[in-house]
């Protein structure tokens, strides 16, 4: 798989000029930004906020009732989701007043046994929103500083940072379109994506800037190594997604592990975006930079 993808990408890069390579990732980045902007204008948030970030109640019950039946049963409450996980159904509700909260808990406790209730207040959820944004911004700024210190040249450093930024934006837009909520798990996935994306970008930039040889040859060698690394990670994430999401269909005693399922699918989307951004966007910028007349013989030697 890695070899075939590498040959396909390598041929594509060699047969297209820098402007053509830039067009695809920049167009997808622009569409992703529009998706997040529209979401922000319409709902006040660029992504769908999970219970941790907006407050609400999660109730897990052991039952043979289907999620559809339970969702209809509790339609008078602000129910936002009901899903099957093995022998249990997990219901998620929006923010309620104290009276409605007590009535819901009384209703569920009287109807089902083995009930688990988890509640997050809206104030605490808002505080987590602020902390999540701070974590993303601080992580991104820290990454940018390290990249600039590593290469000490504006254009190659900017290309790495732009690629990482695009990975995050595309992954966030994918979450919005796919209806994946921003939870503590998906936030962790976005933070991990910064490290994953910078890894392949630094590999490419280091090979092109600091090693001898023709530019096309250096890009091809870096691509072989980088694609192998990324596809290996993608294979592991695909297995984790399948096991955490669908294993209960094969073994009913297993439950769906929502946290791992969300982390893996967001990382998968982000790594596919990283393949595009590293080997099209970053490669085009670097190839244009090192072949400028003033750098003749410096990088392409």
Protein backbone atom coordinates (compact mmCIF):
# COMPACT_ATOMS: atom_id res chain seq x y z
CA UNK A 1 0.00 0.00 0.00
CA UNK A 2 2.74 2.45 1.01
CA UNK A 3 4.81 1.73 -2.12
CA UNK A 4 1.87 2.15 -4.47
CA UNK A 5 0.78 5.41 -2.83
CA UNK A 6 4.35 6.71 -2.89
CA UNK A 7 4.74 6.01 -6.61
CA UNK A 8 1.38 7.61 -7.37
CA UNK A 9 2.18 10.75 -5.39
CA UNK A 10 5.74 10.93 -6.69
CA UNK A 11 4.58 10.79 -10.31
CA UNK A 12 1.87 13.36 -9.61
CA UNK A 13 4.36 15.78 -8.02
CA UNK A 14 6.90 15.39 -10.83
CA UNK A 15 4.30 15.90 -13.57
CA UNK A 16 2.73 19.09 -12.14
CA UNK A 17 4.15 22.52 -11.53
CA UNK A 18 4.14 24.30 -8.18
CA UNK A 19 0.95 26.29 -8.82
CA UNK A 20 -0.95 23.16 -9.76
CA UNK A 21 0.25 21.38 -6.62
CA UNK A 22 -0.80 24.31 -4.45
CA UNK A 23 -4.27 24.58 -5.97
CA UNK A 24 -5.70 21.35 -4.49
CA UNK A 25 -4.71 21.73 -0.80
CA UNK A 26 -5.43 25.47 -0.75
CA UNK A 27 -8.89 24.90 -2.27
CA UNK A 28 -9.71 22.24 0.35
CA UNK A 29 -8.38 24.51 3.11
CA UNK A 30 -10.61 27.35 1.85
CA UNK A 31 -13.69 25.08 1.77
CA UNK A 32 -12.91 23.85 5.30
CA UNK A 33 -12.62 27.42 6.57
CA UNK A 34 -15.98 28.26 4.99
CA UNK A 35 -17.59 25.21 6.68
CA UNK A 36 -16.26 26.27 10.08
CA UNK A 37 -17.26 29.91 9.53
CA UNK A 38 -20.81 28.99 8.52
CA UNK A 39 -21.08 26.74 11.56
CA UNK A 40 -19.81 29.51 13.82
CA UNK A 41 -22.28 32.06 12.42
CA UNK A 42 -25.24 29.66 12.64
CA UNK A 43 -24.56 27.98 15.99
CA UNK A 44 -21.97 30.12 17.78
CA UNK A 45 -19.30 27.40 17.54
CA UNK A 46 -17.21 26.20 14.57
CA UNK A 47 -17.69 22.56 15.66
CA UNK A 48 -20.42 20.66 17.47
CA UNK A 49 -19.73 20.94 21.19
CA UNK A 50 -19.94 17.77 23.24
CA UNK A 51 -21.43 17.55 26.68
CA UNK A 52 -18.10 18.34 28.35
CA UNK A 53 -18.00 21.76 26.68
CA UNK A 54 -21.62 22.89 26.80
CA UNK A 55 -23.04 21.06 29.82
CA UNK A 56 -25.75 18.43 30.01
CA UNK A 57 -26.55 14.97 31.34
CA UNK A 58 -25.51 11.54 30.16
CA UNK A 59 -27.48 8.50 31.35
CA UNK A 60 -26.51 4.90 30.69
CA UNK A 61 -29.06 2.13 31.28
CA UNK A 62 -29.10 -1.62 30.79
CA UNK A 63 -32.09 -2.40 28.60
CA UNK A 64 -33.40 -4.34 25.61
CA UNK A 65 -35.22 -1.25 24.32
CA UNK A 66 -33.79 0.18 21.11
CA UNK A 67 -32.30 3.70 21.01
CA UNK A 68 -35.18 4.83 18.76
CA UNK A 69 -37.78 3.67 21.31
CA UNK A 70 -35.94 5.35 24.17
CA UNK A 71 -35.47 8.56 22.21
CA UNK A 72 -39.23 8.72 21.58
CA UNK A 73 -39.95 7.84 25.21
CA UNK A 74 -37.93 10.81 26.49
CA UNK A 75 -38.78 13.26 23.70
CA UNK A 76 -40.30 15.67 26.23
CA UNK A 77 -36.78 16.22 27.59
CA UNK A 78 -33.95 17.87 25.61
CA UNK A 79 -32.51 14.55 24.43
CA UNK A 80 -29.77 14.99 21.84
CA UNK A 81 -28.58 11.43 21.30
CA UNK A 82 -29.32 7.80 22.14
CA UNK A 83 -26.97 5.02 21.08
CA UNK A 84 -26.54 1.31 21.68
CA UNK A 85 -23.33 0.06 23.29
CA UNK A 86 -23.59 -3.68 23.87
CA UNK A 87 -26.39 -4.40 26.30
CA UNK A 88 -26.67 -0.76 27.34
CA UNK A 89 -28.17 2.37 25.81
CA UNK A 90 -26.52 5.72 26.44
CA UNK A 91 -28.76 8.80 26.37
CA UNK A 92 -27.45 12.34 26.21
CA UNK A 93 -29.50 15.39 27.20
CA UNK A 94 -28.92 19.11 26.90
CA UNK A 95 -28.93 21.58 29.78
CA UNK A 96 -32.08 21.42 31.96
CA UNK A 97 -33.32 23.31 35.00
CA UNK A 98 -33.15 21.63 38.41
CA UNK A 99 -36.80 20.56 38.44
CA UNK A 100 -36.62 18.96 35.00
CA UNK A 101 -33.34 17.28 35.94
CA UNK A 102 -34.85 15.74 39.08
CA UNK A 103 -37.92 14.58 37.17
CA UNK A 104 -35.77 12.93 34.49
CA UNK A 105 -33.62 11.11 37.04
CA UNK A 106 -36.72 9.94 38.91
CA UNK A 107 -38.30 8.68 35.69
CA UNK A 108 -35.18 6.77 34.59
CA UNK A 109 -34.47 5.30 38.03
CA UNK A 110 -38.07 4.10 38.31
CA UNK A 111 -38.07 2.52 34.87
CA UNK A 112 -34.62 0.89 34.65
CA UNK A 113 -32.12 -0.81 36.92
CA UNK A 114 -28.33 -0.47 36.78
CA UNK A 115 -28.47 3.22 35.88
CA UNK A 116 -25.37 5.42 35.54
CA UNK A 117 -25.82 9.21 35.53
CA UNK A 118 -23.18 11.79 34.64
CA UNK A 119 -23.84 15.53 34.69
CA UNK A 120 -21.78 18.55 33.59
CA UNK A 121 -22.87 22.09 34.47
CA UNK A 122 -22.90 24.82 31.78
CA UNK A 123 -20.45 27.02 33.71
CA UNK A 124 -17.94 24.20 33.98
CA UNK A 125 -18.47 23.42 30.30
CA UNK A 126 -17.73 27.04 29.35
CA UNK A 127 -14.54 26.96 31.42
CA UNK A 128 -13.46 23.82 29.56
CA UNK A 129 -14.11 25.58 26.24
CA UNK A 130 -11.70 28.34 27.22
CA UNK A 131 -9.09 25.85 28.43
CA UNK A 132 -9.42 23.79 25.23
CA UNK A 133 -8.84 26.86 23.06
CA UNK A 134 -5.85 27.85 25.19
CA UNK A 135 -4.39 24.36 24.88
CA UNK A 136 -4.68 24.40 21.08
CA UNK A 137 -3.24 27.91 20.73
CA UNK A 138 -0.35 27.30 23.13
CA UNK A 139 0.50 23.98 21.49
CA UNK A 140 0.47 25.55 18.03
CA UNK A 141 2.59 28.52 19.11
CA UNK A 142 5.08 26.20 20.81
CA UNK A 143 5.31 24.11 17.66
CA UNK A 144 5.86 27.22 15.53
CA UNK A 145 8.68 28.45 17.78
CA UNK A 146 10.45 25.07 17.63
CA UNK A 147 10.14 24.96 13.83
CA UNK A 148 11.59 28.47 13.41
CA UNK A 149 14.46 27.65 15.76
CA UNK A 150 15.13 24.44 13.84
CA UNK A 151 15.33 25.91 10.32
CA UNK A 152 15.88 29.64 11.02
CA UNK A 153 14.57 30.46 7.54
CA UNK A 154 11.17 32.04 7.05
CA UNK A 155 9.75 30.30 3.96
CA UNK A 156 10.53 26.64 4.89
CA UNK A 157 9.36 27.28 8.46
CA UNK A 158 6.18 28.98 7.25
CA UNK A 159 5.46 26.02 4.94
CA UNK A 160 5.64 23.57 7.88
CA UNK A 161 3.37 25.75 10.02
CA UNK A 162 0.87 26.30 7.19
CA UNK A 163 0.68 22.56 6.57
CA UNK A 164 0.06 21.82 10.25
CA UNK A 165 -2.57 24.59 10.42
CA UNK A 166 -4.32 23.16 7.36
CA UNK A 167 -4.35 19.66 8.92
CA UNK A 168 -6.11 20.98 12.02
CA UNK A 169 -8.64 23.04 10.06
CA UNK A 170 -9.51 20.19 7.68
CA UNK A 171 -9.88 17.73 10.58
CA UNK A 172 -12.15 20.19 12.42
CA UNK A 173 -14.26 20.73 9.28
CA UNK A 174 -14.52 16.95 8.86
CA UNK A 175 -15.79 16.72 12.44
CA UNK A 176 -18.45 19.35 11.68
CA UNK A 177 -19.62 17.70 8.46
CA UNK A 178 -19.57 14.18 9.95
CA UNK A 179 -21.42 15.33 13.08
CA UNK A 180 -18.56 14.38 15.43
CA UNK A 181 -18.71 16.34 18.67
CA UNK A 182 -15.77 18.15 20.21
CA UNK A 183 -15.15 16.10 23.33
CA UNK A 184 -12.11 15.65 25.51
CA UNK A 185 -11.21 12.70 23.28
CA UNK A 186 -11.45 14.58 19.96
CA UNK A 187 -9.62 17.54 21.50
CA UNK A 188 -6.77 15.15 22.38
CA UNK A 189 -6.84 13.90 18.77
CA UNK A 190 -6.49 17.46 17.42
CA UNK A 191 -3.55 18.09 19.76
CA UNK A 192 -1.90 14.82 18.68
CA UNK A 193 -2.43 15.80 15.06
CA UNK A 194 -0.09 18.78 15.53
CA UNK A 195 2.73 16.38 16.36
CA UNK A 196 1.87 13.91 13.61
CA UNK A 197 1.70 16.59 10.92
CA UNK A 198 4.91 18.37 11.90
CA UNK A 199 6.77 15.05 11.94
CA UNK A 200 6.42 14.42 8.19
CA UNK A 201 6.84 18.10 7.30
CA UNK A 202 10.12 18.37 9.20
CA UNK A 203 11.32 15.17 7.53
CA UNK A 204 10.65 16.66 4.09
CA UNK A 205 12.07 20.10 4.87
CA UNK A 206 15.20 18.69 6.50
CA UNK A 207 15.90 16.44 3.49
CA UNK A 208 15.40 19.23 0.95
CA UNK A 209 17.23 22.00 2.83
CA UNK A 210 20.13 20.17 4.45
CA UNK A 211 21.03 17.26 2.15
CA UNK A 212 22.87 17.14 -1.15
CA UNK A 213 21.38 16.08 -4.45
CA UNK A 214 18.75 17.19 -6.99
CA UNK A 215 15.57 18.55 -5.43
CA UNK A 216 13.28 16.02 -7.13
CA UNK A 217 15.42 13.13 -5.89
CA UNK A 218 15.46 14.46 -2.31
CA UNK A 219 11.69 14.87 -2.35
CA UNK A 220 11.22 11.32 -3.66
CA UNK A 221 13.42 9.81 -0.94
CA UNK A 222 11.68 11.81 1.78
CA UNK A 223 8.29 10.81 0.38
CA UNK A 224 9.15 7.09 0.54
CA UNK A 225 10.08 7.37 4.22
CA UNK A 226 7.22 9.71 5.15
CA UNK A 227 4.46 7.75 3.40
CA UNK A 228 5.67 4.52 5.03
CA UNK A 229 5.49 6.17 8.47
CA UNK A 230 2.04 7.65 7.84
CA UNK A 231 0.44 4.53 6.33
CA UNK A 232 1.74 2.45 9.24
CA UNK A 233 0.04 4.83 11.67
CA UNK A 234 -3.14 4.85 9.54
CA UNK A 235 -3.29 1.05 9.57
CA UNK A 236 -3.04 0.99 13.38
CA UNK A 237 -5.71 3.68 13.69
CA UNK A 238 -8.02 1.85 11.28
CA UNK A 239 -7.80 -1.29 13.40
CA UNK A 240 -8.45 0.73 16.55
CA UNK A 241 -11.49 2.38 14.95
CA UNK A 242 -13.01 -0.91 13.77
CA UNK A 243 -12.46 -2.67 17.11
CA UNK A 244 -13.68 0.22 19.27
CA UNK A 245 -16.71 0.94 17.06
CA UNK A 246 -18.01 -2.40 15.77
CA UNK A 247 -16.66 -5.17 18.04
CA UNK A 248 -19.96 -5.34 19.98
CA UNK A 249 -21.73 -6.45 16.78
CA UNK A 250 -19.59 -9.61 16.77
CA UNK A 251 -19.35 -10.13 20.53
CA UNK A 252 -22.49 -8.73 22.23
CA UNK A 253 -20.80 -8.67 25.64
CA UNK A 254 -18.37 -6.01 24.37
CA UNK A 255 -19.35 -2.35 24.44
CA UNK A 256 -18.59 0.39 21.97
CA UNK A 257 -15.62 2.44 23.18
CA UNK A 258 -16.77 5.86 22.03
CA UNK A 259 -13.66 7.71 23.21
CA UNK A 260 -11.25 5.55 21.17
CA UNK A 261 -13.63 5.53 18.21
CA UNK A 262 -13.74 9.34 18.08
CA UNK A 263 -9.99 9.75 18.58
CA UNK A 264 -9.15 7.27 15.82
CA UNK A 265 -11.56 8.62 13.17
CA UNK A 266 -10.43 12.23 13.70
CA UNK A 267 -6.77 11.19 13.47
CA UNK A 268 -7.48 9.19 10.32
CA UNK A 269 -9.09 12.21 8.66
CA UNK A 270 -6.25 14.45 9.84
CA UNK A 271 -3.52 12.10 8.57
CA UNK A 272 -5.12 11.86 5.13
CA UNK A 273 -5.12 15.66 5.11
CA UNK A 274 -1.48 15.58 6.21
CA UNK A 275 -0.50 13.38 3.26
CA UNK A 276 -2.00 15.97 0.93
CA UNK A 277 -0.58 19.00 2.72
CA UNK A 278 2.92 17.60 3.18
CA UNK A 279 3.49 16.17 -0.28
CA UNK A 280 1.55 18.75 -2.31
CA UNK A 281 1.39 22.01 -0.34
CA UNK A 282 4.72 21.85 1.49
CA UNK A 283 6.55 20.27 -1.44
CA UNK A 284 5.35 22.98 -3.84
CA UNK A 285 6.46 25.79 -1.51
CA UNK A 286 9.85 24.19 -0.85
CA UNK A 287 10.45 23.38 -4.52
CA UNK A 288 9.68 26.97 -5.49
CA UNK A 289 11.93 28.30 -2.72
CA UNK A 290 15.04 26.19 -3.34
CA UNK A 291 14.95 26.68 -7.13
CA UNK A 292 14.91 30.49 -6.92
CA UNK A 293 17.78 32.03 -8.94
CA UNK A 294 19.54 33.44 -5.85
CA UNK A 295 19.77 29.93 -4.37
CA UNK A 296 21.15 28.29 -7.50
CA UNK A 297 23.66 25.65 -6.48
CA UNK A 298 22.92 26.04 -2.79
CA UNK A 299 20.08 23.54 -2.33
CA UNK A 300 19.90 21.83 -5.73
CA UNK A 301 23.35 20.24 -5.81
